[in-house]
Amino acid sequence: MGDLLGKLIGLYEIALLVRIVISWVPHNPYNQAIRFLYKITDPVLNPVRKLIPPFKGIDFSPIIVFIGLGIVKRMVGGMF
């Protein structure tokens, strides 16, 4: 169970990384793949953005989420 959760968290980290890279380049926000990516990452990123808003145009929410996911992965990995 812990291994599966670790792999799912790893996939989510990849989705976050892709979203970060996409934000640096021009893209079509109506593309279905982009919309799906936003749909799965926004529910986690938006609450973090409310706590720590972007500073001088830099959004730190993905970094905070990566740190949180790393902590969860370590906790889950230690449980099983």
Protein backbone atom coordinates (compact mmCIF):
# COMPACT_ATOMS: atom_id res chain seq x y z
CA MET A 1 0.00 0.00 0.00
CA GLY A 2 2.77 2.43 0.93
CA ASP A 3 4.62 1.66 -2.30
CA LEU A 4 1.51 2.41 -4.36
CA LEU A 5 0.94 5.69 -2.54
CA GLY A 6 4.59 6.61 -3.05
CA LYS A 7 4.26 5.97 -6.78
CA LEU A 8 1.06 8.04 -6.98
CA ILE A 9 2.80 10.89 -5.19
CA GLY A 10 5.69 10.54 -7.66
CA LEU A 11 3.26 10.83 -10.58
CA TYR A 12 1.71 13.90 -8.99
CA GLU A 13 5.17 15.44 -8.59
CA ILE A 14 5.75 14.88 -12.31
CA ALA A 15 2.43 16.60 -13.07
CA LEU A 16 3.50 19.56 -10.93
CA LEU A 17 6.85 19.71 -12.68
CA VAL A 18 5.18 19.69 -16.10
CA ARG A 19 2.84 22.45 -14.97
CA ILE A 20 5.79 24.55 -13.83
CA VAL A 21 7.58 24.12 -17.17
CA ILE A 22 4.39 24.88 -19.10
CA SER A 23 3.97 28.12 -17.18
CA TRP A 24 7.31 29.33 -18.59
CA VAL A 25 6.33 28.92 -22.25
CA PRO A 26 3.39 30.18 -24.28
CA HIS A 27 0.63 27.56 -24.36
CA ASN A 28 -3.00 27.17 -25.29
CA PRO A 29 -5.00 27.18 -22.02
CA TYR A 30 -7.91 25.51 -23.84
CA ASN A 31 -5.87 22.43 -24.77
CA GLN A 32 -7.46 19.39 -23.11
CA ALA A 33 -4.16 18.10 -21.69
CA ILE A 34 -3.36 21.52 -20.20
CA ARG A 35 -6.84 21.79 -18.73
CA PHE A 36 -6.50 18.33 -17.17
CA LEU A 37 -3.13 19.28 -15.70
CA TYR A 38 -4.61 22.43 -14.16
CA LYS A 39 -7.62 20.47 -12.93
CA ILE A 40 -5.48 18.01 -10.96
CA THR A 41 -2.93 20.53 -9.65
CA ASP A 42 -5.07 23.58 -8.80
CA PRO A 43 -6.88 21.96 -5.84
CA VAL A 44 -3.52 21.54 -4.10
CA LEU A 45 -1.80 24.72 -5.28
CA ASN A 46 -4.64 27.20 -4.67
CA PRO A 47 -4.87 26.78 -0.88
CA VAL A 48 -1.09 27.18 -0.63
CA ARG A 49 -1.31 30.33 -2.77
CA LYS A 50 -3.85 31.74 -0.31
CA LEU A 51 -1.41 31.20 2.55
CA ILE A 52 1.68 32.34 0.63
CA PRO A 53 0.73 34.63 -2.27
CA PRO A 54 3.16 35.16 -5.16
CA PHE A 55 5.99 37.53 -4.26
CA LYS A 56 7.20 39.90 -7.00
CA GLY A 57 5.67 37.65 -9.65
CA ILE A 58 7.21 34.44 -8.29
CA ASP A 59 4.81 31.71 -7.22
CA PHE A 60 6.32 29.68 -4.39
CA SER A 61 3.33 27.36 -4.01
CA PRO A 62 4.79 24.52 -6.14
CA ILE A 63 7.94 24.52 -4.00
CA ILE A 64 5.88 24.31 -0.80
CA VAL A 65 3.77 21.50 -2.29
CA PHE A 66 6.91 19.59 -3.38
CA ILE A 67 8.28 19.84 0.16
CA GLY A 68 4.96 18.67 1.60
CA LEU A 69 4.75 15.73 -0.81
CA GLY A 70 8.31 14.75 0.07
CA ILE A 71 7.41 14.72 3.76
CA VAL A 72 4.31 12.63 3.10
CA LYS A 73 6.33 10.18 0.98
CA ARG A 74 8.88 9.74 3.77
CA MET A 75 6.16 9.26 6.38
CA VAL A 76 4.31 6.71 4.25
CA GLY A 77 7.53 4.93 3.35
CA GLY A 78 8.43 4.61 7.00
CA MET A 79 5.05 3.15 7.88
CA PHE A 80 5.31 0.07 5.68
